Amino acid sequence: MSQTPRDKAYDKAQGRLTRDAAHRYQQPDWGTEDPRAREAYDRELSEMMPVIGRTGRRR
């Protein structure tokens, strides 16, 4: 593989993103789900998926 020239701006941005991600990972609520996101997901899923035992089509 060939080496690409180092880009100072890219390295600086990548370092900042890595530090930010590490900082967020250390927070007490890391990995918890936002209740609003869960409600939106449940609402969208219920609109897209038929009720069990009912296909939505009449035969």
PDB file of N, CA and C in Angstrom:
ATOM      1  N   MET A   1       0.840  -1.177   0.000  1.00  0.00           N
ATOM      2  CA  MET A   1       0.000   0.000   0.000  1.00  0.00           C
ATOM      3  C   MET A   1       0.883   1.238   0.000  1.00  0.00           C
ATOM      4  N   SER A   2       0.456   2.201  -0.731  1.00  0.00           N
ATOM      5  CA  SER A   2       1.237   3.428  -0.783  1.00  0.00           C
ATOM      6  C   SER A   2       0.858   4.342   0.370  1.00  0.00           C
ATOM      7  N   GLN A   3       1.819   5.102   0.803  1.00  0.00           N
ATOM      8  CA  GLN A   3       1.591   6.054   1.877  1.00  0.00           C
ATOM      9  C   GLN A   3       1.041   7.353   1.299  1.00  0.00           C
ATOM     10  N   THR A   4       0.055   7.903   1.939  1.00  0.00           N
ATOM     11  CA  THR A   4      -0.466   9.197   1.520  1.00  0.00           C
ATOM     12  C   THR A   4       0.222  10.276   2.333  1.00  0.00           C
ATOM     13  N   PRO A   5       0.405  11.452   1.768  1.00  0.00           N
ATOM     14  CA  PRO A   5       1.033  12.525   2.536  1.00  0.00           C
ATOM     15  C   PRO A   5       0.169  12.914   3.727  1.00  0.00           C
ATOM     16  N   ARG A   6       0.805  13.325   4.808  1.00  0.00           N
ATOM     17  CA  ARG A   6       0.079  13.694   6.011  1.00  0.00           C
ATOM     18  C   ARG A   6      -0.597  15.041   5.817  1.00  0.00           C
ATOM     19  N   ASP A   7      -1.820  15.127   6.204  1.00  0.00           N
ATOM     20  CA  ASP A   7      -2.589  16.369   6.109  1.00  0.00           C
ATOM     21  C   ASP A   7      -2.810  16.869   7.533  1.00  0.00           C
ATOM     22  N   LYS A   8      -2.239  18.009   7.866  1.00  0.00           N
ATOM     23  CA  LYS A   8      -2.332  18.525   9.244  1.00  0.00           C
ATOM     24  C   LYS A   8      -3.773  18.775   9.663  1.00  0.00           C
ATOM     25  N   ALA A   9      -4.581  19.361   8.775  1.00  0.00           N
ATOM     26  CA  ALA A   9      -5.972  19.660   9.116  1.00  0.00           C
ATOM     27  C   ALA A   9      -6.750  18.366   9.372  1.00  0.00           C
ATOM     28  N   TYR A  10      -6.504  17.358   8.550  1.00  0.00           N
ATOM     29  CA  TYR A  10      -7.185  16.076   8.726  1.00  0.00           C
ATOM     30  C   TYR A  10      -6.768  15.435  10.050  1.00  0.00           C
ATOM     31  N   ASP A  11      -5.473  15.428  10.320  1.00  0.00           N
ATOM     32  CA  ASP A  11      -4.990  14.838  11.569  1.00  0.00           C
ATOM     33  C   ASP A  11      -5.576  15.548  12.787  1.00  0.00           C
ATOM     34  N   LYS A  12      -5.664  16.871  12.702  1.00  0.00           N
ATOM     35  CA  LYS A  12      -6.214  17.646  13.818  1.00  0.00           C
ATOM     36  C   LYS A  12      -7.694  17.314  14.024  1.00  0.00           C
ATOM     37  N   ALA A  13      -8.453  17.253  12.927  1.00  0.00           N
ATOM     38  CA  ALA A  13      -9.878  16.932  13.026  1.00  0.00           C
ATOM     39  C   ALA A  13     -10.078  15.507  13.533  1.00  0.00           C
ATOM     40  N   GLN A  14      -9.277  14.564  13.043  1.00  0.00           N
ATOM     41  CA  GLN A  14      -9.399  13.173  13.472  1.00  0.00           C
ATOM     42  C   GLN A  14      -9.079  13.031  14.953  1.00  0.00           C
ATOM     43  N   GLY A  15      -8.064  13.741  15.418  1.00  0.00           N
ATOM     44  CA  GLY A  15      -7.727  13.711  16.835  1.00  0.00           C
ATOM     45  C   GLY A  15      -8.838  14.281  17.696  1.00  0.00           C
ATOM     46  N   ARG A  16      -9.443  15.370  17.226  1.00  0.00           N
ATOM     47  CA  ARG A  16     -10.550  15.977  17.977  1.00  0.00           C
ATOM     48  C   ARG A  16     -11.736  15.031  18.049  1.00  0.00           C
ATOM     49  N   LEU A  17     -12.076  14.392  16.917  1.00  0.00           N
ATOM     50  CA  LEU A  17     -13.198  13.459  16.909  1.00  0.00           C
ATOM     51  C   LEU A  17     -12.932  12.265  17.830  1.00  0.00           C
ATOM     52  N   THR A  18     -11.710  11.792  17.837  1.00  0.00           N
ATOM     53  CA  THR A  18     -11.352  10.664  18.700  1.00  0.00           C
ATOM     54  C   THR A  18     -11.455  11.054  20.173  1.00  0.00           C
ATOM     55  N   ARG A  19     -10.958  12.234  20.523  1.00  0.00           N
ATOM     56  CA  ARG A  19     -11.072  12.698  21.916  1.00  0.00           C
ATOM     57  C   ARG A  19     -12.529  12.890  22.317  1.00  0.00           C
ATOM     58  N   ASP A  20     -13.338  13.469  21.414  1.00  0.00           N
ATOM     59  CA  ASP A  20     -14.760  13.664  21.718  1.00  0.00           C
ATOM     60  C   ASP A  20     -15.471  12.331  21.938  1.00  0.00           C
ATOM     61  N   ALA A  21     -15.165  11.358  21.091  1.00  0.00           N
ATOM     62  CA  ALA A  21     -15.795  10.042  21.234  1.00  0.00           C
ATOM     63  C   ALA A  21     -15.368   9.384  22.545  1.00  0.00           C
ATOM     64  N   ALA A  22     -14.096   9.507  22.900  1.00  0.00           N
ATOM     65  CA  ALA A  22     -13.621   8.929  24.154  1.00  0.00           C
ATOM     66  C   ALA A  22     -14.291   9.612  25.343  1.00  0.00           C
ATOM     67  N   HIS A  23     -14.471  10.922  25.250  1.00  0.00           N
ATOM     68  CA  HIS A  23     -15.126  11.662  26.329  1.00  0.00           C
ATOM     69  C   HIS A  23     -16.582  11.216  26.484  1.00  0.00           C
ATOM     70  N   ARG A  24     -17.296  11.071  25.361  1.00  0.00           N
ATOM     71  CA  ARG A  24     -18.693  10.629  25.427  1.00  0.00           C
ATOM     72  C   ARG A  24     -18.785   9.212  25.975  1.00  0.00           C
ATOM     73  N   TYR A  25     -17.837   8.362  25.612  1.00  0.00           N
ATOM     74  CA  TYR A  25     -17.834   6.978  26.085  1.00  0.00           C
ATOM     75  C   TYR A  25     -17.708   6.914  27.601  1.00  0.00           C
ATOM     76  N   GLN A  26     -17.012   7.866  28.187  1.00  0.00           N
ATOM     77  CA  GLN A  26     -16.788   7.868  29.633  1.00  0.00           C
ATOM     78  C   GLN A  26     -17.966   8.442  30.419  1.00  0.00           C
ATOM     79  N   GLN A  27     -18.954   8.993  29.741  1.00  0.00           N
ATOM     80  CA  GLN A  27     -20.106   9.585  30.427  1.00  0.00           C
ATOM     81  C   GLN A  27     -20.969   8.494  31.058  1.00  0.00           C
ATOM     82  N   PRO A  28     -21.639   8.786  32.167  1.00  0.00           N
ATOM     83  CA  PRO A  28     -22.445   7.766  32.859  1.00  0.00           C
ATOM     84  C   PRO A  28     -23.595   7.220  32.013  1.00  0.00           C
ATOM     85  N   ASP A  29     -24.144   8.021  31.105  1.00  0.00           N
ATOM     86  CA  ASP A  29     -25.302   7.554  30.340  1.00  0.00           C
ATOM     87  C   ASP A  29     -24.915   7.031  28.964  1.00  0.00           C
ATOM     88  N   TRP A  30     -23.643   6.692  28.754  1.00  0.00           N
ATOM     89  CA  TRP A  30     -23.213   6.208  27.463  1.00  0.00           C
ATOM     90  C   TRP A  30     -23.934   4.914  27.139  1.00  0.00           C
ATOM     91  N   GLY A  31     -24.447   4.819  25.946  1.00  0.00           N
ATOM     92  CA  GLY A  31     -25.099   3.597  25.503  1.00  0.00           C
ATOM     93  C   GLY A  31     -26.569   3.505  25.870  1.00  0.00           C
ATOM     94  N   THR A  32     -27.081   4.473  26.616  1.00  0.00           N
ATOM     95  CA  THR A  32     -28.506   4.437  26.927  1.00  0.00           C
ATOM     96  C   THR A  32     -29.286   5.022  25.772  1.00  0.00           C
ATOM     97  N   GLU A  33     -30.506   4.626  25.680  1.00  0.00           N
ATOM     98  CA  GLU A  33     -31.341   5.045  24.576  1.00  0.00           C
ATOM     99  C   GLU A  33     -32.178   6.259  24.976  1.00  0.00           C
ATOM    100  N   ASP A  34     -32.279   7.188  24.077  1.00  0.00           N
ATOM    101  CA  ASP A  34     -33.109   8.362  24.291  1.00  0.00           C
ATOM    102  C   ASP A  34     -34.573   7.911  24.244  1.00  0.00           C
ATOM    103  N   PRO A  35     -35.384   8.197  25.276  1.00  0.00           N
ATOM    104  CA  PRO A  35     -36.778   7.740  25.282  1.00  0.00           C
ATOM    105  C   PRO A  35     -37.562   8.257  24.077  1.00  0.00           C
ATOM    106  N   ARG A  36     -37.266   9.466  23.625  1.00  0.00           N
ATOM    107  CA  ARG A  36     -37.993  10.000  22.463  1.00  0.00           C
ATOM    108  C   ARG A  36     -37.666   9.208  21.202  1.00  0.00           C
ATOM    109  N   ALA A  37     -36.425   8.770  21.087  1.00  0.00           N
ATOM    110  CA  ALA A  37     -36.041   7.968  19.921  1.00  0.00           C
ATOM    111  C   ALA A  37     -36.756   6.624  19.960  1.00  0.00           C
ATOM    112  N   ARG A  38     -36.870   6.052  21.143  1.00  0.00           N
ATOM    113  CA  ARG A  38     -37.551   4.760  21.273  1.00  0.00           C
ATOM    114  C   ARG A  38     -39.026   4.890  20.908  1.00  0.00           C
ATOM    115  N   GLU A  39     -39.677   5.955  21.364  1.00  0.00           N
ATOM    116  CA  GLU A  39     -41.093   6.163  21.042  1.00  0.00           C
ATOM    117  C   GLU A  39     -41.284   6.365  19.547  1.00  0.00           C
ATOM    118  N   ALA A  40     -40.396   7.125  18.921  1.00  0.00           N
ATOM    119  CA  ALA A  40     -40.498   7.350  17.477  1.00  0.00           C
ATOM    120  C   ALA A  40     -40.286   6.044  16.717  1.00  0.00           C
ATOM    121  N   TYR A  41     -39.325   5.231  17.162  1.00  0.00           N
ATOM    122  CA  TYR A  41     -39.072   3.944  16.522  1.00  0.00           C
ATOM    123  C   TYR A  41     -40.285   3.024  16.658  1.00  0.00           C
ATOM    124  N   ASP A  42     -40.855   2.949  17.863  1.00  0.00           N
ATOM    125  CA  ASP A  42     -42.028   2.101  18.077  1.00  0.00           C
ATOM    126  C   ASP A  42     -43.200   2.556  17.222  1.00  0.00           C
ATOM    127  N   ARG A  43     -43.394   3.878  17.124  1.00  0.00           N
ATOM    128  CA  ARG A  43     -44.496   4.403  16.323  1.00  0.00           C
ATOM    129  C   ARG A  43     -44.294   4.063  14.839  1.00  0.00           C
ATOM    130  N   GLU A  44     -43.095   4.248  14.344  1.00  0.00           N
ATOM    131  CA  GLU A  44     -42.812   3.948  12.936  1.00  0.00           C
ATOM    132  C   GLU A  44     -42.935   2.460  12.657  1.00  0.00           C
ATOM    133  N   LEU A  45     -42.451   1.644  13.578  1.00  0.00           N
ATOM    134  CA  LEU A  45     -42.545   0.199  13.408  1.00  0.00           C
ATOM    135  C   LEU A  45     -43.995  -0.260  13.387  1.00  0.00           C
ATOM    136  N   SER A  46     -44.833   0.306  14.259  1.00  0.00           N
ATOM    137  CA  SER A  46     -46.234  -0.111  14.290  1.00  0.00           C
ATOM    138  C   SER A  46     -46.969   0.311  13.025  1.00  0.00           C
ATOM    139  N   GLU A  47     -46.530   1.393  12.395  1.00  0.00           N
ATOM    140  CA  GLU A  47     -47.159   1.809  11.144  1.00  0.00           C
ATOM    141  C   GLU A  47     -46.737   0.931   9.973  1.00  0.00           C
ATOM    142  N   MET A  48     -45.524   0.399  10.040  1.00  0.00           N
ATOM    143  CA  MET A  48     -44.999  -0.380   8.926  1.00  0.00           C
ATOM    144  C   MET A  48     -45.317  -1.865   9.021  1.00  0.00           C
ATOM    145  N   MET A  49     -45.413  -2.396  10.229  1.00  0.00           N
ATOM    146  CA  MET A  49     -45.591  -3.832  10.408  1.00  0.00           C
ATOM    147  C   MET A  49     -47.058  -4.145  10.697  1.00  0.00           C
ATOM    148  N   PRO A  50     -47.564  -5.164  10.049  1.00  0.00           N
ATOM    149  CA  PRO A  50     -48.940  -5.549  10.341  1.00  0.00           C
ATOM    150  C   PRO A  50     -49.055  -6.196  11.722  1.00  0.00           C
ATOM    151  N   VAL A  51     -50.240  -6.168  12.253  1.00  0.00           N
ATOM    152  CA  VAL A  51     -50.495  -6.807  13.535  1.00  0.00           C
ATOM    153  C   VAL A  51     -50.346  -8.301  13.354  1.00  0.00           C
ATOM    154  N   ILE A  52     -49.785  -8.989  14.341  1.00  0.00           N
ATOM    155  CA  ILE A  52     -49.588 -10.430  14.244  1.00  0.00           C
ATOM    156  C   ILE A  52     -50.940 -11.113  14.041  1.00  0.00           C
ATOM    157  N   GLY A  53     -50.996 -11.960  13.050  1.00  0.00           N
ATOM    158  CA  GLY A  53     -52.231 -12.674  12.751  1.00  0.00           C
ATOM    159  C   GLY A  53     -53.116 -11.936  11.770  1.00  0.00           C
ATOM    160  N   ARG A  54     -52.738 -10.725  11.411  1.00  0.00           N
ATOM    161  CA  ARG A  54     -53.540  -9.978  10.453  1.00  0.00           C
ATOM    162  C   ARG A  54     -52.592  -9.347   9.427  1.00  0.00           C
ATOM    163  N   THR A  55     -52.849  -9.598   8.147  1.00  0.00           N
ATOM    164  CA  THR A  55     -51.937  -9.100   7.121  1.00  0.00           C
ATOM    165  C   THR A  55     -52.361  -7.739   6.603  1.00  0.00           C
ATOM    166  N   GLY A  56     -53.535  -7.294   6.934  1.00  0.00           N
ATOM    167  CA  GLY A  56     -54.002  -6.006   6.443  1.00  0.00           C
ATOM    168  C   GLY A  56     -54.753  -6.132   5.122  1.00  0.00           C
ATOM    169  N   ARG A  57     -54.677  -7.311   4.511  1.00  0.00           N
ATOM    170  CA  ARG A  57     -55.396  -7.547   3.254  1.00  0.00           C
ATOM    171  C   ARG A  57     -56.611  -8.410   3.531  1.00  0.00           C
ATOM    172  N   ARG A  58     -57.684  -8.097   2.857  1.00  0.00           N
ATOM    173  CA  ARG A  58     -58.872  -8.937   2.986  1.00  0.00           C
ATOM    174  C   ARG A  58     -58.842 -10.007   1.924  1.00  0.00           C
ATOM    175  N   ARG A  59     -59.229 -11.190   2.303  1.00  0.00           N
ATOM    176  CA  ARG A  59     -59.245 -12.310   1.348  1.00  0.00           C
ATOM    177  C   ARG A  59     -60.635 -12.638   0.949  1.00  0.00           C
TER     178      ARG A  59
END
